[in-house]
Amino acid sequence: MAAASKLAEAAGRSGLLVECNNKKGLGVTLRGTRRKRARVSGFRARMATPGGKKVLQARRKKGRKILVPAAVPKRKM
């Protein structure tokens, strides 16, 4: 209710108060999952489309050790 009283106080002094994007905190943001990453940018997803095949071809031509980042297992810390 502190915000409401602050608004009422400020509204009394001036004609109008517009407060935008007032966030309480960041909190925990939703991160991606390995399954989603593999489905979107995995090897089989790349091979399924002509554009994806071009991506793999370009990475092979460039000499990339890792063709698709989704295939790399997550390191344990």
PDB file of N, CA and C in Angstrom:
ATOM      1  N   MET A   1       0.815  -1.195   0.000  1.00  0.00           N
ATOM      2  CA  MET A   1       0.000   0.000   0.000  1.00  0.00           C
ATOM      3  C   MET A   1       0.858   1.258   0.000  1.00  0.00           C
ATOM      4  N   ALA A   2       2.146   1.083   0.151  1.00  0.00           N
ATOM      5  CA  ALA A   2       3.035   2.234   0.170  1.00  0.00           C
ATOM      6  C   ALA A   2       3.004   2.961  -1.166  1.00  0.00           C
ATOM      7  N   ALA A   3       2.905   2.193  -2.239  1.00  0.00           N
ATOM      8  CA  ALA A   3       2.876   2.799  -3.567  1.00  0.00           C
ATOM      9  C   ALA A   3       1.605   3.607  -3.771  1.00  0.00           C
ATOM     10  N   ALA A   4       0.487   3.092  -3.246  1.00  0.00           N
ATOM     11  CA  ALA A   4      -0.789   3.795  -3.396  1.00  0.00           C
ATOM     12  C   ALA A   4      -0.771   5.112  -2.634  1.00  0.00           C
ATOM     13  N   SER A   5      -0.198   5.101  -1.413  1.00  0.00           N
ATOM     14  CA  SER A   5      -0.138   6.340  -0.640  1.00  0.00           C
ATOM     15  C   SER A   5       0.813   7.333  -1.294  1.00  0.00           C
ATOM     16  N   LYS A   6       1.880   6.828  -1.868  1.00  0.00           N
ATOM     17  CA  LYS A   6       2.832   7.691  -2.567  1.00  0.00           C
ATOM     18  C   LYS A   6       2.158   8.343  -3.772  1.00  0.00           C
ATOM     19  N   LEU A   7       1.337   7.568  -4.468  1.00  0.00           N
ATOM     20  CA  LEU A   7       0.613   8.103  -5.617  1.00  0.00           C
ATOM     21  C   LEU A   7      -0.379   9.175  -5.188  1.00  0.00           C
ATOM     22  N   ALA A   8      -1.084   8.912  -4.107  1.00  0.00           N
ATOM     23  CA  ALA A   8      -2.076   9.875  -3.628  1.00  0.00           C
ATOM     24  C   ALA A   8      -1.385  11.164  -3.188  1.00  0.00           C
ATOM     25  N   GLU A   9      -0.253  11.018  -2.512  1.00  0.00           N
ATOM     26  CA  GLU A   9       0.510  12.179  -2.057  1.00  0.00           C
ATOM     27  C   GLU A   9       0.980  13.015  -3.246  1.00  0.00           C
ATOM     28  N   ALA A  10       1.539  12.339  -4.223  1.00  0.00           N
ATOM     29  CA  ALA A  10       2.063  13.027  -5.394  1.00  0.00           C
ATOM     30  C   ALA A  10       0.933  13.632  -6.218  1.00  0.00           C
ATOM     31  N   ALA A  11      -0.194  12.965  -6.280  1.00  0.00           N
ATOM     32  CA  ALA A  11      -1.321  13.470  -7.056  1.00  0.00           C
ATOM     33  C   ALA A  11      -1.878  14.739  -6.431  1.00  0.00           C
ATOM     34  N   GLY A  12      -1.750  14.876  -5.113  1.00  0.00           N
ATOM     35  CA  GLY A  12      -2.233  16.078  -4.440  1.00  0.00           C
ATOM     36  C   GLY A  12      -1.398  17.294  -4.807  1.00  0.00           C
ATOM     37  N   ARG A  13      -0.116  17.104  -5.006  1.00  0.00           N
ATOM     38  CA  ARG A  13       0.762  18.225  -5.329  1.00  0.00           C
ATOM     39  C   ARG A  13       0.661  18.620  -6.785  1.00  0.00           C
ATOM     40  N   SER A  14       0.639  17.636  -7.647  1.00  0.00           N
ATOM     41  CA  SER A  14       0.593  17.953  -9.068  1.00  0.00           C
ATOM     42  C   SER A  14      -0.707  17.413  -9.647  1.00  0.00           C
ATOM     43  N   GLY A  15      -0.981  17.806 -10.853  1.00  0.00           N
ATOM     44  CA  GLY A  15      -2.230  17.390 -11.476  1.00  0.00           C
ATOM     45  C   GLY A  15      -2.265  15.920 -11.822  1.00  0.00           C
ATOM     46  N   LEU A  16      -1.160  15.394 -12.344  1.00  0.00           N
ATOM     47  CA  LEU A  16      -1.175  14.022 -12.829  1.00  0.00           C
ATOM     48  C   LEU A  16       0.198  13.386 -12.647  1.00  0.00           C
ATOM     49  N   LEU A  17       0.198  12.145 -12.223  1.00  0.00           N
ATOM     50  CA  LEU A  17       1.445  11.412 -12.074  1.00  0.00           C
ATOM     51  C   LEU A  17       1.326  10.109 -12.846  1.00  0.00           C
ATOM     52  N   VAL A  18       2.239   9.909 -13.774  1.00  0.00           N
ATOM     53  CA  VAL A  18       2.250   8.674 -14.549  1.00  0.00           C
ATOM     54  C   VAL A  18       3.512   7.917 -14.180  1.00  0.00           C
ATOM     55  N   GLU A  19       3.327   6.701 -13.694  1.00  0.00           N
ATOM     56  CA  GLU A  19       4.464   5.891 -13.289  1.00  0.00           C
ATOM     57  C   GLU A  19       4.494   4.647 -14.163  1.00  0.00           C
ATOM     58  N   CYS A  20       5.587   4.468 -14.911  1.00  0.00           N
ATOM     59  CA  CYS A  20       5.687   3.354 -15.850  1.00  0.00           C
ATOM     60  C   CYS A  20       6.786   2.394 -15.442  1.00  0.00           C
ATOM     61  N   ASN A  21       6.588   1.153 -15.778  1.00  0.00           N
ATOM     62  CA  ASN A  21       7.624   0.136 -15.635  1.00  0.00           C
ATOM     63  C   ASN A  21       8.171   0.037 -14.216  1.00  0.00           C
ATOM     64  N   ASN A  22       7.282   0.082 -13.253  1.00  0.00           N
ATOM     65  CA  ASN A  22       7.695  -0.001 -11.854  1.00  0.00           C
ATOM     66  C   ASN A  22       7.776  -1.468 -11.454  1.00  0.00           C
ATOM     67  N   LYS A  23       8.998  -2.024 -11.469  1.00  0.00           N
ATOM     68  CA  LYS A  23       9.183  -3.437 -11.167  1.00  0.00           C
ATOM     69  C   LYS A  23       9.675  -3.602  -9.739  1.00  0.00           C
ATOM     70  N   LYS A  24       9.233  -4.665  -9.105  1.00  0.00           N
ATOM     71  CA  LYS A  24       9.630  -4.915  -7.728  1.00  0.00           C
ATOM     72  C   LYS A  24      11.027  -5.514  -7.654  1.00  0.00           C
ATOM     73  N   GLY A  25      11.376  -6.362  -8.610  1.00  0.00           N
ATOM     74  CA  GLY A  25      12.695  -6.982  -8.601  1.00  0.00           C
ATOM     75  C   GLY A  25      12.850  -7.908  -9.786  1.00  0.00           C
ATOM     76  N   LEU A  26      14.047  -8.390  -9.989  1.00  0.00           N
ATOM     77  CA  LEU A  26      14.302  -9.255 -11.125  1.00  0.00           C
ATOM     78  C   LEU A  26      13.784 -10.669 -10.906  1.00  0.00           C
ATOM     79  N   GLY A  27      14.089 -11.257  -9.768  1.00  0.00           N
ATOM     80  CA  GLY A  27      13.663 -12.624  -9.512  1.00  0.00           C
ATOM     81  C   GLY A  27      14.424 -13.602 -10.391  1.00  0.00           C
ATOM     82  N   VAL A  28      13.951 -14.819 -10.466  1.00  0.00           N
ATOM     83  CA  VAL A  28      14.592 -15.849 -11.274  1.00  0.00           C
ATOM     84  C   VAL A  28      13.948 -15.845 -12.650  1.00  0.00           C
ATOM     85  N   THR A  29      14.760 -15.695 -13.662  1.00  0.00           N
ATOM     86  CA  THR A  29      14.221 -15.685 -15.017  1.00  0.00           C
ATOM     87  C   THR A  29      14.179 -17.102 -15.552  1.00  0.00           C
ATOM     88  N   LEU A  30      13.279 -17.348 -16.461  1.00  0.00           N
ATOM     89  CA  LEU A  30      13.136 -18.677 -17.042  1.00  0.00           C
ATOM     90  C   LEU A  30      14.261 -18.914 -18.036  1.00  0.00           C
ATOM     91  N   ARG A  31      14.949 -19.991 -17.845  1.00  0.00           N
ATOM     92  CA  ARG A  31      16.041 -20.331 -18.755  1.00  0.00           C
ATOM     93  C   ARG A  31      15.569 -21.386 -19.746  1.00  0.00           C
ATOM     94  N   GLY A  32      16.344 -21.561 -20.804  1.00  0.00           N
ATOM     95  CA  GLY A  32      16.000 -22.564 -21.796  1.00  0.00           C
ATOM     96  C   GLY A  32      16.302 -23.972 -21.299  1.00  0.00           C
ATOM     97  N   THR A  33      15.807 -24.948 -22.021  1.00  0.00           N
ATOM     98  CA  THR A  33      16.079 -26.333 -21.660  1.00  0.00           C
ATOM     99  C   THR A  33      16.946 -26.969 -22.741  1.00  0.00           C
ATOM    100  N   ARG A  34      17.629 -28.032 -22.387  1.00  0.00           N
ATOM    101  CA  ARG A  34      18.485 -28.725 -23.353  1.00  0.00           C
ATOM    102  C   ARG A  34      17.654 -29.321 -24.481  1.00  0.00           C
ATOM    103  N   ARG A  35      16.485 -29.823 -24.133  1.00  0.00           N
ATOM    104  CA  ARG A  35      15.626 -30.444 -25.145  1.00  0.00           C
ATOM    105  C   ARG A  35      15.200 -29.415 -26.187  1.00  0.00           C
ATOM    106  N   LYS A  36      14.801 -28.243 -25.730  1.00  0.00           N
ATOM    107  CA  LYS A  36      14.382 -27.182 -26.650  1.00  0.00           C
ATOM    108  C   LYS A  36      15.552 -26.751 -27.537  1.00  0.00           C
ATOM    109  N   ARG A  37      16.727 -26.623 -26.926  1.00  0.00           N
ATOM    110  CA  ARG A  37      17.913 -26.208 -27.678  1.00  0.00           C
ATOM    111  C   ARG A  37      18.252 -27.225 -28.762  1.00  0.00           C
ATOM    112  N   ALA A  38      18.148 -28.503 -28.417  1.00  0.00           N
ATOM    113  CA  ALA A  38      18.446 -29.557 -29.386  1.00  0.00           C
ATOM    114  C   ALA A  38      17.424 -29.568 -30.513  1.00  0.00           C
ATOM    115  N   ARG A  39      16.166 -29.342 -30.177  1.00  0.00           N
ATOM    116  CA  ARG A  39      15.124 -29.365 -31.207  1.00  0.00           C
ATOM    117  C   ARG A  39      15.240 -28.187 -32.163  1.00  0.00           C
ATOM    118  N   VAL A  40      15.689 -27.067 -31.651  1.00  0.00           N
ATOM    119  CA  VAL A  40      15.790 -25.864 -32.482  1.00  0.00           C
ATOM    120  C   VAL A  40      17.107 -25.816 -33.243  1.00  0.00           C
ATOM    121  N   SER A  41      18.217 -26.092 -32.562  1.00  0.00           N
ATOM    122  CA  SER A  41      19.519 -25.918 -33.216  1.00  0.00           C
ATOM    123  C   SER A  41      20.392 -27.159 -33.157  1.00  0.00           C
ATOM    124  N   GLY A  42      19.787 -28.312 -33.036  1.00  0.00           N
ATOM    125  CA  GLY A  42      20.545 -29.563 -33.017  1.00  0.00           C
ATOM    126  C   GLY A  42      20.882 -30.043 -34.422  1.00  0.00           C
ATOM    127  N   PHE A  43      21.656 -31.108 -34.483  1.00  0.00           N
ATOM    128  CA  PHE A  43      22.110 -31.634 -35.768  1.00  0.00           C
ATOM    129  C   PHE A  43      20.944 -32.095 -36.636  1.00  0.00           C
ATOM    130  N   ARG A  44      20.025 -32.843 -36.048  1.00  0.00           N
ATOM    131  CA  ARG A  44      18.901 -33.362 -36.826  1.00  0.00           C
ATOM    132  C   ARG A  44      17.979 -32.238 -37.293  1.00  0.00           C
ATOM    133  N   ALA A  45      17.854 -31.192 -36.492  1.00  0.00           N
ATOM    134  CA  ALA A  45      17.050 -30.037 -36.903  1.00  0.00           C
ATOM    135  C   ALA A  45      17.713 -29.324 -38.079  1.00  0.00           C
ATOM    136  N   ARG A  46      19.044 -29.251 -38.049  1.00  0.00           N
ATOM    137  CA  ARG A  46      19.780 -28.621 -39.155  1.00  0.00           C
ATOM    138  C   ARG A  46      19.641 -29.442 -40.441  1.00  0.00           C
ATOM    139  N   MET A  47      19.729 -30.757 -40.304  1.00  0.00           N
ATOM    140  CA  MET A  47      19.657 -31.630 -41.475  1.00  0.00           C
ATOM    141  C   MET A  47      18.256 -31.676 -42.086  1.00  0.00           C
ATOM    142  N   ALA A  48      17.269 -31.253 -41.345  1.00  0.00           N
ATOM    143  CA  ALA A  48      15.882 -31.348 -41.811  1.00  0.00           C
ATOM    144  C   ALA A  48      15.505 -30.252 -42.807  1.00  0.00           C
ATOM    145  N   THR A  49      16.294 -29.183 -42.882  1.00  0.00           N
ATOM    146  CA  THR A  49      15.950 -28.080 -43.784  1.00  0.00           C
ATOM    147  C   THR A  49      17.114 -27.774 -44.716  1.00  0.00           C
ATOM    148  N   PRO A  50      16.816 -27.252 -45.897  1.00  0.00           N
ATOM    149  CA  PRO A  50      17.897 -26.879 -46.828  1.00  0.00           C
ATOM    150  C   PRO A  50      18.817 -25.805 -46.246  1.00  0.00           C
ATOM    151  N   GLY A  51      18.246 -24.848 -45.542  1.00  0.00           N
ATOM    152  CA  GLY A  51      19.056 -23.797 -44.927  1.00  0.00           C
ATOM    153  C   GLY A  51      19.964 -24.338 -43.839  1.00  0.00           C
ATOM    154  N   GLY A  52      19.442 -25.301 -43.092  1.00  0.00           N
ATOM    155  CA  GLY A  52      20.237 -25.932 -42.041  1.00  0.00           C
ATOM    156  C   GLY A  52      21.411 -26.705 -42.612  1.00  0.00           C
ATOM    157  N   LYS A  53      21.182 -27.361 -43.746  1.00  0.00           N
ATOM    158  CA  LYS A  53      22.270 -28.091 -44.409  1.00  0.00           C
ATOM    159  C   LYS A  53      23.357 -27.132 -44.872  1.00  0.00           C
ATOM    160  N   LYS A  54      22.941 -25.947 -45.311  1.00  0.00           N
ATOM    161  CA  LYS A  54      23.923 -24.932 -45.721  1.00  0.00           C
ATOM    162  C   LYS A  54      24.738 -24.458 -44.525  1.00  0.00           C
ATOM    163  N   VAL A  55      24.080 -24.342 -43.374  1.00  0.00           N
ATOM    164  CA  VAL A  55      24.779 -23.934 -42.153  1.00  0.00           C
ATOM    165  C   VAL A  55      25.857 -24.961 -41.810  1.00  0.00           C
ATOM    166  N   LEU A  56      25.483 -26.239 -41.848  1.00  0.00           N
ATOM    167  CA  LEU A  56      26.449 -27.300 -41.542  1.00  0.00           C
ATOM    168  C   LEU A  56      27.598 -27.318 -42.550  1.00  0.00           C
ATOM    169  N   GLN A  57      27.252 -27.139 -43.812  1.00  0.00           N
ATOM    170  CA  GLN A  57      28.268 -27.122 -44.869  1.00  0.00           C
ATOM    171  C   GLN A  57      29.253 -25.971 -44.640  1.00  0.00           C
ATOM    172  N   ALA A  58      28.728 -24.812 -44.284  1.00  0.00           N
ATOM    173  CA  ALA A  58      29.583 -23.645 -44.054  1.00  0.00           C
ATOM    174  C   ALA A  58      30.482 -23.856 -42.840  1.00  0.00           C
ATOM    175  N   ARG A  59      29.942 -24.488 -41.804  1.00  0.00           N
ATOM    176  CA  ARG A  59      30.744 -24.733 -40.604  1.00  0.00           C
ATOM    177  C   ARG A  59      31.831 -25.778 -40.867  1.00  0.00           C
ATOM    178  N   ARG A  60      31.506 -26.784 -41.682  1.00  0.00           N
ATOM    179  CA  ARG A  60      32.527 -27.776 -42.066  1.00  0.00           C
ATOM    180  C   ARG A  60      33.631 -27.116 -42.886  1.00  0.00           C
ATOM    181  N   LYS A  61      33.228 -26.271 -43.823  1.00  0.00           N
ATOM    182  CA  LYS A  61      34.180 -25.583 -44.698  1.00  0.00           C
ATOM    183  C   LYS A  61      35.112 -24.687 -43.889  1.00  0.00           C
ATOM    184  N   LYS A  62      34.564 -24.075 -42.855  1.00  0.00           N
ATOM    185  CA  LYS A  62      35.348 -23.181 -42.013  1.00  0.00           C
ATOM    186  C   LYS A  62      36.263 -23.955 -41.060  1.00  0.00           C
ATOM    187  N   GLY A  63      35.976 -25.256 -40.916  1.00  0.00           N
ATOM    188  CA  GLY A  63      36.823 -26.084 -40.062  1.00  0.00           C
ATOM    189  C   GLY A  63      36.393 -26.098 -38.609  1.00  0.00           C
ATOM    190  N   ARG A  64      35.141 -25.900 -38.370  1.00  0.00           N
ATOM    191  CA  ARG A  64      34.643 -25.902 -36.991  1.00  0.00           C
ATOM    192  C   ARG A  64      34.748 -27.298 -36.390  1.00  0.00           C
ATOM    193  N   LYS A  65      35.267 -27.365 -35.183  1.00  0.00           N
ATOM    194  CA  LYS A  65      35.364 -28.645 -34.495  1.00  0.00           C
ATOM    195  C   LYS A  65      33.965 -29.100 -34.072  1.00  0.00           C
ATOM    196  N   ILE A  66      33.161 -28.154 -33.641  1.00  0.00           N
ATOM    197  CA  ILE A  66      31.791 -28.438 -33.212  1.00  0.00           C
ATOM    198  C   ILE A  66      30.843 -27.898 -34.279  1.00  0.00           C
ATOM    199  N   LEU A  67      30.083 -28.786 -34.898  1.00  0.00           N
ATOM    200  CA  LEU A  67      29.164 -28.350 -35.957  1.00  0.00           C
ATOM    201  C   LEU A  67      27.923 -27.675 -35.395  1.00  0.00           C
ATOM    202  N   VAL A  68      27.373 -28.255 -34.348  1.00  0.00           N
ATOM    203  CA  VAL A  68      26.164 -27.684 -33.747  1.00  0.00           C
ATOM    204  C   VAL A  68      26.378 -27.538 -32.246  1.00  0.00           C
ATOM    205  N   PRO A  69      26.141 -26.352 -31.706  1.00  0.00           N
ATOM    206  CA  PRO A  69      26.383 -26.130 -30.284  1.00  0.00           C
ATOM    207  C   PRO A  69      25.475 -26.957 -29.379  1.00  0.00           C
ATOM    208  N   ALA A  70      24.305 -27.360 -29.890  1.00  0.00           N
ATOM    209  CA  ALA A  70      23.373 -28.131 -29.065  1.00  0.00           C
ATOM    210  C   ALA A  70      23.900 -29.529 -28.777  1.00  0.00           C
ATOM    211  N   ALA A  71      24.865 -29.995 -29.557  1.00  0.00           N
ATOM    212  CA  ALA A  71      25.389 -31.347 -29.378  1.00  0.00           C
ATOM    213  C   ALA A  71      26.446 -31.418 -28.279  1.00  0.00           C
ATOM    214  N   VAL A  72      26.904 -30.277 -27.804  1.00  0.00           N
ATOM    215  CA  VAL A  72      27.951 -30.239 -26.792  1.00  0.00           C
ATOM    216  C   VAL A  72      27.332 -30.495 -25.424  1.00  0.00           C
ATOM    217  N   PRO A  73      27.806 -31.509 -24.694  1.00  0.00           N
ATOM    218  CA  PRO A  73      27.255 -31.757 -23.361  1.00  0.00           C
ATOM    219  C   PRO A  73      27.647 -30.644 -22.398  1.00  0.00           C
ATOM    220  N   LYS A  74      26.770 -30.376 -21.455  1.00  0.00           N
ATOM    221  CA  LYS A  74      27.010 -29.319 -20.482  1.00  0.00           C
ATOM    222  C   LYS A  74      28.121 -29.743 -19.521  1.00  0.00           C
ATOM    223  N   ARG A  75      29.042 -28.825 -19.244  1.00  0.00           N
ATOM    224  CA  ARG A  75      30.141 -29.114 -18.327  1.00  0.00           C
ATOM    225  C   ARG A  75      29.639 -29.133 -16.892  1.00  0.00           C
ATOM    226  N   LYS A  76      30.197 -30.035 -16.106  1.00  0.00           N
ATOM    227  CA  LYS A  76      29.854 -30.071 -14.685  1.00  0.00           C
ATOM    228  C   LYS A  76      30.808 -29.155 -13.949  1.00  0.00           C
ATOM    229  N   MET A  77      30.264 -28.383 -13.044  1.00  0.00           N
ATOM    230  CA  MET A  77      31.101 -27.435 -12.299  1.00  0.00           C
ATOM    231  C   MET A  77      31.417 -27.944 -10.920  1.00  0.00           C
TER     232      MET A  77
END
